[in-house]
Protein backbone atom coordinates (compact mmCIF):
# COMPACT_ATOMS: atom_id res chain seq x y z
CA MET A 1 52.23 -13.60 261.58
CA LYS A 2 55.20 -12.79 259.37
CA GLN A 3 54.74 -16.01 257.41
CA THR A 4 51.01 -15.33 256.96
CA CYS A 5 51.69 -11.85 255.50
CA SER A 6 54.21 -13.31 253.07
CA LEU A 7 51.66 -15.82 251.81
CA ILE A 8 49.08 -13.09 251.29
CA VAL A 9 51.53 -11.02 249.25
CA ILE A 10 52.42 -14.02 247.04
CA PHE A 11 48.73 -14.79 246.50
CA LEU A 12 48.00 -11.19 245.46
CA LEU A 13 50.90 -11.21 242.99
CA ILE A 14 49.71 -14.45 241.36
CA PHE A 15 46.11 -13.23 241.24
CA SER A 16 47.04 -9.87 239.64
CA ALA A 17 49.27 -11.61 237.06
CA GLY A 18 46.48 -13.95 236.04
CA CYS A 19 44.03 -11.08 235.53
CA THR A 20 46.32 -9.00 233.35
CA LYS A 21 45.32 -8.92 229.67
CA GLN A 22 48.07 -10.05 227.30
CA GLU A 23 49.53 -7.17 225.35
CA GLU A 24 49.47 -7.23 221.54
CA ILE A 25 53.13 -6.19 221.44
CA THR A 26 55.33 -9.05 222.56
CA SER A 27 59.01 -8.85 223.42
CA TYR A 28 61.65 -11.54 223.63
CA THR A 29 65.19 -11.00 224.87
CA VAL A 30 67.84 -12.68 222.71
CA PRO A 31 71.62 -12.40 222.58
CA LYS A 32 72.96 -9.70 220.28
CA SER A 33 75.84 -11.98 219.32
CA ALA A 34 75.52 -15.47 217.90
CA ASN A 35 78.46 -16.53 220.05
CA ASP A 36 76.67 -16.90 223.40
CA THR A 37 78.85 -19.06 225.63
CA SER A 38 76.17 -19.90 228.20
CA SER A 39 76.27 -23.59 229.17
CA THR A 40 72.45 -23.85 228.97
CA VAL A 41 72.40 -23.35 225.22
CA SER A 42 73.41 -26.32 223.07
CA GLU A 43 76.20 -26.23 220.50
CA ARG A 44 73.59 -26.41 217.75
CA THR A 45 72.02 -23.13 218.79
CA THR A 46 75.22 -21.11 219.14
CA ALA A 47 77.64 -22.26 216.43
CA PRO A 48 77.43 -20.70 212.95
CA ALA A 49 74.83 -22.43 210.81
CA LYS A 50 75.83 -24.24 207.64
CA GLU A 51 73.80 -25.62 204.76
CA VAL A 52 73.35 -29.39 205.14
CA ARG A 53 71.45 -32.30 203.70
CA MET A 54 70.04 -35.03 205.90
CA LEU A 55 69.09 -38.54 204.79
CA ALA A 56 67.26 -40.45 207.49
CA ALA A 57 64.84 -43.34 207.84
CA ILE A 58 62.69 -45.16 210.38
CA LEU A 59 62.10 -48.92 210.26
CA PRO A 60 59.41 -50.24 212.66
CA GLY A 61 60.46 -53.36 214.51
CA GLY A 62 57.73 -54.18 216.99
CA SER A 63 58.77 -53.12 220.48
CA GLN A 64 61.44 -50.78 219.09
CA ASN A 65 62.01 -48.68 216.01
CA TRP A 66 65.28 -48.50 214.08
CA PHE A 67 66.71 -45.14 213.05
CA PHE A 68 69.18 -44.61 210.19
CA LYS A 69 70.68 -41.15 209.73
CA MET A 70 73.33 -39.40 207.64
CA THR A 71 73.97 -35.65 207.74
CA GLY A 72 76.62 -33.53 206.04
CA ALA A 73 77.43 -31.09 203.25
CA PRO A 74 74.68 -31.12 200.57
CA ASP A 75 76.92 -32.18 197.67
CA GLN A 76 78.63 -34.86 199.73
CA VAL A 77 75.40 -36.42 201.04
CA SER A 78 73.57 -36.10 197.70
CA ALA A 79 76.28 -38.20 196.06
CA GLU A 80 75.36 -41.06 198.43
CA PHE A 81 71.59 -40.91 197.84
CA ASP A 82 71.29 -43.85 195.44
CA THR A 83 73.57 -45.95 197.64
CA PHE A 84 71.51 -44.98 200.70
CA ILE A 85 68.29 -46.15 198.98
CA ALA A 86 69.90 -49.44 197.91
CA PHE A 87 71.12 -49.93 201.48
CA LEU A 88 67.63 -49.38 202.93
CA LYS A 89 66.10 -51.84 200.46
CA SER A 90 68.63 -54.48 201.50
CA ILE A 91 67.69 -54.33 205.19
CA LYS A 92 65.92 -57.28 206.77
CA LEU A 93 65.05 -57.81 210.42
CA GLU A 94 66.53 -61.02 211.81
CA ALA A 95 65.66 -61.93 215.41
CA GLY A 96 64.50 -58.36 215.90
CA LYS A 97 67.75 -56.79 214.65
CA PRO A 98 68.50 -55.34 211.21
CA ALA A 99 70.88 -57.06 208.81
CA TRP A 100 71.93 -55.49 205.52
CA THR A 101 74.15 -55.66 202.49
CA LEU A 102 77.03 -53.26 203.11
CA PRO A 103 77.66 -50.94 200.14
CA GLU A 104 81.05 -51.36 198.46
CA ASN A 105 82.41 -47.97 199.53
CA TRP A 106 81.11 -48.21 203.12
CA GLU A 107 82.75 -49.80 206.14
CA GLN A 108 81.05 -50.89 209.35
CA GLU A 109 82.18 -50.18 212.90
CA PRO A 110 80.66 -51.53 216.12
CA GLY A 111 78.15 -49.38 217.91
CA ARG A 112 78.66 -47.67 221.23
CA SER A 113 76.30 -46.57 223.98
CA ILE A 114 72.78 -46.74 222.48
CA ARG A 115 74.14 -46.80 218.90
CA PHE A 116 73.82 -50.21 217.22
CA ALA A 117 76.34 -49.55 214.43
CA THR A 118 78.23 -46.82 212.60
CA LEU A 119 78.68 -47.09 208.84
CA LYS A 120 81.43 -44.86 207.47
CA ILE A 121 81.83 -43.81 203.85
CA LYS A 122 85.39 -44.50 202.76
CA ASP A 123 87.56 -41.70 201.38
CA SER A 124 85.03 -39.01 202.39
CA ASP A 125 86.47 -35.73 203.63
CA PRO A 126 85.16 -34.62 206.04
CA GLN A 127 84.24 -38.11 207.22
CA LEU A 128 80.65 -38.98 206.34
CA GLU A 129 78.86 -41.62 208.36
CA LEU A 130 75.48 -43.25 208.80
CA THR A 131 74.35 -44.12 212.32
CA VAL A 132 72.00 -46.97 213.24
CA THR A 133 70.14 -46.59 216.54
CA PRO A 134 67.27 -48.58 218.14
CA LEU A 135 64.77 -46.80 220.36
CA SER A 136 61.71 -48.07 222.19
CA ALA A 137 58.50 -47.73 220.19
CA GLY A 138 55.65 -45.63 221.49
CA LYS A 139 51.99 -46.63 221.69
CA SER A 140 51.34 -45.43 218.14
CA LEU A 141 53.59 -45.81 215.08
CA PRO A 142 52.01 -42.79 213.28
CA GLU A 143 52.81 -40.64 216.34
CA ASP A 144 56.38 -41.97 216.44
CA LEU A 145 56.85 -41.21 212.75
CA LEU A 146 55.43 -37.71 212.99
CA SER A 147 57.33 -36.66 216.13
CA ASN A 148 60.69 -37.90 214.84
CA ILE A 149 60.26 -36.53 211.31
CA ASN A 150 59.37 -33.14 212.75
CA ARG A 151 62.38 -33.36 215.08
CA TRP A 152 64.63 -33.95 212.08
CA ARG A 153 62.97 -31.10 210.19
CA ASP A 154 63.49 -28.78 213.13
CA GLN A 155 67.19 -29.69 213.26
CA VAL A 156 67.66 -28.28 209.74
CA GLY A 157 65.38 -25.26 210.22
CA LEU A 158 62.28 -26.60 208.42
CA SER A 159 58.71 -26.21 209.63
CA GLU A 160 56.62 -29.04 211.03
CA ILE A 161 54.37 -31.24 208.92
CA THR A 162 51.11 -32.99 209.79
CA THR A 163 49.89 -36.58 209.99
CA LYS A 164 48.23 -36.08 206.60
CA ASP A 165 51.61 -35.26 205.06
CA VAL A 166 53.05 -38.49 206.47
CA GLU A 167 50.13 -40.50 205.13
CA ALA A 168 50.51 -38.89 201.69
CA ALA A 169 54.16 -40.01 201.58
CA SER A 170 53.03 -43.60 200.94
CA ASP A 171 52.47 -42.57 197.30
CA THR A 172 55.84 -40.81 196.95
CA LYS A 173 58.75 -42.58 195.27
CA PRO A 174 62.32 -42.17 196.56
CA ALA A 175 63.92 -39.05 195.10
CA LEU A 176 66.60 -36.67 196.31
CA ASP A 177 64.22 -33.69 196.28
CA ALA A 178 61.27 -35.61 197.76
CA GLU A 179 61.39 -34.55 201.39
CA LEU A 180 59.37 -37.56 202.56
CA PHE A 181 58.84 -40.97 200.95
CA THR A 182 58.46 -44.67 201.76
CA LEU A 183 59.93 -47.94 200.48
CA LYS A 184 59.98 -51.62 201.44
CA ASP A 185 62.82 -53.59 203.00
CA GLN A 186 63.52 -57.23 202.13
CA GLY A 187 61.09 -58.30 204.82
CA ASP A 188 58.33 -56.20 203.21
CA LYS A 189 58.20 -53.75 206.12
CA THR A 190 57.54 -50.12 205.24
CA ILE A 191 60.49 -47.80 205.79
CA THR A 192 59.67 -44.10 206.08
CA ALA A 193 62.53 -41.90 204.88
CA VAL A 194 63.38 -38.23 204.52
CA SER A 195 65.75 -36.22 202.34
CA LEU A 196 65.97 -32.77 203.89
CA LYS A 197 68.02 -29.75 202.89
CA GLY A 198 68.36 -26.86 205.31
CA MET A 199 70.58 -25.03 207.79
CA MET A 200 72.16 -26.57 210.88
CA ALA A 201 74.47 -25.14 213.52
CA GLY A 202 77.14 -27.08 215.37
CA ASN A 203 78.15 -30.65 214.60
CA PRO A 204 75.67 -32.23 212.12
CA MET A 205 76.35 -35.68 213.59
CA GLY A 206 75.94 -34.49 217.18
CA SER A 207 72.15 -34.71 217.48
CA ALA A 208 71.03 -38.08 218.83
CA PRO A 209 67.52 -39.32 218.01
CA PHE A 210 64.79 -39.32 220.63
CA ALA A 211 61.67 -41.34 219.99
CA SER A 212 58.40 -40.83 221.81
CA GLY A 213 58.91 -44.14 223.61
CA MET A 214 62.27 -43.14 225.11
CA ARG A 215 62.90 -41.56 228.50
CA GLY A 216 59.43 -42.07 229.85
CA GLY A 217 57.71 -41.25 226.55
CA MET A 218 58.55 -37.57 226.82
CA ARG A 219 60.12 -35.56 224.03
CA GLN A 220 63.25 -33.74 225.15
CA PRO A 221 62.28 -30.10 225.74
CA SER A 222 64.10 -27.31 223.97
CA PRO A 223 66.33 -25.30 226.27
CA GLY A 224 64.91 -22.00 227.44
CA PRO A 225 66.58 -18.70 226.60
CA ALA A 226 69.91 -18.30 228.33
CA THR A 227 70.59 -15.36 230.57
CA PRO A 228 71.41 -12.70 227.96
CA PRO A 229 74.92 -11.29 228.04
CA THR A 230 75.71 -7.60 228.13
CA GLY A 231 74.51 -5.95 224.93
CA SER A 232 71.44 -8.18 224.52
CA VAL A 233 68.62 -7.14 222.21
CA LYS A 234 64.86 -7.33 222.64
CA LEU A 235 62.82 -8.64 219.73
CA LYS A 236 59.41 -6.97 219.57
CA TYR A 237 56.50 -7.53 217.20
CA GLU A 238 52.73 -7.22 216.90
CA THR A 239 50.94 -10.55 216.65
CA PRO A 240 48.19 -10.62 213.98
CA GLU A 241 44.70 -11.61 215.03
CA GLY A 242 44.12 -15.34 214.87
CA TRP A 243 47.77 -16.37 215.22
CA LYS A 244 48.29 -18.66 218.21
CA PRO A 245 51.60 -19.16 220.08
CA GLY A 246 53.55 -22.13 218.73
CA ARG A 247 56.56 -24.16 219.82
CA SER A 248 59.53 -21.88 220.41
CA GLY A 249 62.89 -22.29 222.11
CA GLY A 250 66.40 -23.07 220.94
CA MET A 251 66.88 -21.61 217.47
CA ARG A 252 63.22 -20.58 217.31
CA LYS A 253 62.95 -17.14 218.86
CA ALA A 254 59.20 -17.08 218.21
CA ALA A 255 56.63 -19.36 216.59
CA PHE A 256 52.92 -19.16 215.74
CA ASN A 257 50.29 -21.62 214.51
CA ILE A 258 47.61 -20.58 212.04
CA ASN A 259 44.44 -22.62 211.53
CA ALA A 260 41.69 -22.07 208.96
CA GLY A 261 39.22 -24.94 208.55
CA ASP A 262 41.26 -28.09 207.97
CA GLU A 263 44.36 -26.15 206.85
CA THR A 264 47.27 -25.34 209.15
CA GLY A 265 50.37 -23.20 208.76
CA GLU A 266 53.27 -22.11 210.92
CA VAL A 267 55.29 -18.91 211.27
CA THR A 268 58.76 -19.00 212.83
CA ILE A 269 61.49 -16.47 213.59
CA ILE A 270 65.05 -17.86 213.63
CA ASP A 271 68.36 -16.00 213.90
CA LEU A 272 71.58 -17.32 212.35
CA SER A 273 75.05 -16.01 211.70
CA LYS A 274 74.97 -13.32 208.99
CA GLU A 275 78.32 -14.51 207.66
CA HIS A 276 76.87 -17.93 206.83
CA SER A 277 73.43 -16.74 205.65
CA PRO A 278 73.71 -15.17 202.16
CA LEU A 279 70.45 -13.87 200.72
CA LEU A 280 70.11 -15.61 197.34
CA PRO A 281 71.07 -19.18 198.40
CA ASN A 282 68.53 -19.05 201.24
CA ILE A 283 65.75 -17.79 198.98
CA ASN A 284 66.61 -20.54 196.49
CA ARG A 285 66.54 -23.03 199.36
CA TRP A 286 62.98 -21.90 200.16
CA ARG A 287 62.04 -22.09 196.47
CA GLY A 288 63.25 -25.68 196.34
CA GLN A 289 61.14 -26.57 199.37
CA VAL A 290 57.93 -25.65 197.50
CA GLY A 291 59.02 -27.12 194.15
CA LEU A 292 60.21 -23.96 192.38
CA LYS A 293 63.41 -23.62 190.35
CA ASP A 294 66.37 -21.56 191.51
CA ILE A 295 66.69 -17.97 190.36
CA SER A 296 69.79 -15.90 189.59
CA GLU A 297 71.04 -12.71 191.22
CA SER A 298 69.60 -10.69 188.33
CA ASP A 299 66.14 -12.24 188.91
CA LEU A 300 66.07 -11.38 192.61
CA PRO A 301 64.69 -7.79 192.35
CA LYS A 302 61.63 -8.87 190.37
CA GLU A 303 61.07 -12.00 192.48
CA SER A 304 61.21 -10.22 195.84
CA GLU A 305 59.93 -7.10 197.57
CA GLU A 306 61.61 -4.74 199.99
CA LEU A 307 59.81 -4.09 203.27
CA LYS A 308 60.77 -1.88 206.22
CA ALA A 309 61.06 -3.28 209.71
CA GLY A 310 61.72 -0.11 211.65
CA ASP A 311 64.90 1.33 210.17
CA LEU A 312 65.98 -2.05 208.74
CA LYS A 313 65.43 -3.53 205.31
CA ALA A 314 63.55 -6.83 204.98
CA THR A 315 63.68 -8.82 201.75
CA TYR A 316 60.26 -10.46 201.33
CA VAL A 317 59.28 -13.30 198.99
CA LYS A 318 55.98 -14.98 198.28
CA LEU A 319 56.62 -18.50 197.00
CA ILE A 320 53.67 -20.57 195.82
CA GLY A 321 54.35 -24.10 194.59
CA PRO A 322 53.38 -25.32 191.09
CA GLU A 323 49.65 -25.78 190.46
CA ASN A 324 50.02 -29.48 189.71
CA SER A 325 51.90 -30.26 192.94
CA LYS A 326 50.00 -32.15 195.63
CA PRO A 327 49.96 -30.92 198.26
CA ARG A 328 50.58 -27.44 196.87
CA LYS A 329 53.01 -25.92 199.35
CA ALA A 330 53.82 -22.27 199.95
CA ILE A 331 56.33 -20.16 201.83
CA LEU A 332 56.08 -16.51 202.80
CA GLY A 333 59.53 -15.44 203.86
CA ALA A 334 61.50 -12.41 204.94
CA ILE A 335 65.18 -12.04 205.74
CA ILE A 336 66.44 -9.16 207.88
CA TYR A 337 70.12 -8.48 208.45
CA ARG A 338 71.10 -6.71 211.66
CA ASP A 339 74.65 -6.44 212.97
CA ASN A 340 76.18 -9.96 212.77
CA LEU A 341 72.85 -11.82 212.60
CA ALA A 342 70.42 -12.79 209.87
CA TRP A 343 66.80 -13.03 211.02
CA PHE A 344 64.59 -15.46 209.09
CA VAL A 345 60.84 -14.90 209.32
CA LYS A 346 58.98 -17.70 207.58
CA PHE A 347 55.43 -18.91 207.00
CA SER A 348 55.09 -22.52 205.81
CA GLY A 349 51.79 -24.08 204.85
CA PRO A 350 49.33 -24.81 202.06
CA ALA A 351 49.08 -22.36 199.15
CA LYS A 352 45.48 -21.34 199.88
CA LEU A 353 46.29 -20.41 203.47
CA ALA A 354 49.41 -18.52 202.36
CA GLU A 355 47.32 -16.37 200.01
CA GLN A 356 44.91 -15.67 202.86
CA GLU A 357 47.67 -14.71 205.32
CA ALA A 358 50.01 -12.83 202.95
CA ASP A 359 48.96 -9.32 203.99
CA ARG A 360 48.99 -10.17 207.71
CA PHE A 361 52.41 -11.75 207.32
CA LYS A 362 53.82 -8.62 205.68
CA GLN A 363 52.32 -6.46 208.44
CA PHE A 364 53.89 -8.77 211.00
CA VAL A 365 57.34 -8.41 209.40
CA GLN A 366 56.93 -4.63 209.28
CA SER A 367 56.06 -4.58 213.00
CA ILE A 368 59.34 -6.23 214.02
CA ARG A 369 61.67 -4.07 216.09
CA PHE A 370 65.00 -4.69 217.83
CA GLU A 371 65.63 -2.72 221.01
C-alpha cells in the first residue's frame, strides 16, 4: 500500500510538470566567481580566458580521418601560418598513414596514446606544437567536417557554421584571416583547414579532438552546470518570440537558434574573466570576424551604443560585413561587466537576418538581470 501511494505521488508530480506552460522569463544559476573549483567543470571553463589563434586541418583517409592542430598566442601562431600551409601541402598518405616534409624549424617527436605524432616549433617560448591525431571516420565526411569544425569554433568562443559554409570553403584560398579554406595534399586529397582567432580558457593544447566516429559515434556532451558555490548569481532574461533554445553548457550559459526561411543565426551568452576581457580588443575581434577593420579607442563612442541591463551598462555594437563579401556575415554584440566577470551576448549570422533581429536582440540584452 505504501509503495502504491508513492508511485501515485510521483506520477502526479510528472504529470503536473508536463502540463506547466514555460515561462517567458528564464533563469540560470551560474557561479559569481570565475574560479569555481568544482571537479565537474573542465579547466577550459574555469581558468581565465586568453586570446588565441588556432590553425587546424582535417585530411580524410578512408576509414579514419587525420587531424592536425596548433593553438597558441595569436602573434606566435600567425608567424607559423605560411609554414603550416607548406606543411599541409607536403602531406601524402602512404599505406593509410600521413608522411610529410618536416619544416626546417620544426622537430618531430613520437606520438603517445591516440596521438600519432607531435611536431614542436624550435625556439618558441612558450613551446608551440602541432599535434597529429587519427580518429575513426563517421558515415558521412560532410558531417565529420561540420561537427569537428564547429567543435574547434566553440573552443575559441565562435558561433557554429552550417554545411553551406563548409561547401563554400572549396572556393576559398588559404589566408590567415580566412576562417575556413581548402587545399590539396600531394596525393590530391582535399584538406579542409581553419584559421580561427578567439578566446580560450585553460591550456590551449589540452583539448583533444573527438570525431563523430569515435566513442560509439557520439559527440562528447558538455558538462552541466556545477553545483553553484556560496554567492552564486542567477542570470535572468526574456526570450524574444521565435528564438528557440540552442546548445548550451560549459562556457555557454545560454544559447538560442533563429531561423527565417533558409537563413539561420545563433545567439549565445558567455561569461569570462573581466581582467582578461578588455572592451576594445574584443569588439575589434568581432569586427575582424565579419571582415571589418579595427577601430581605435577614439572611434568607439560613435561605433557603439550604450544600453541598460537593469542597473548595469551594456556596450552594444551592430557589425555588418562589407557588401561585396560572400557570405555577408554580421554580428550583434553586447558586453556587460559585472563584478569580476565580463558577459558576452552575441548574435552571429547572415547580414539580412541580423538587420531583422536587431531590435529584438537589443530588447533581449536590456531584459538581462543578475540576481
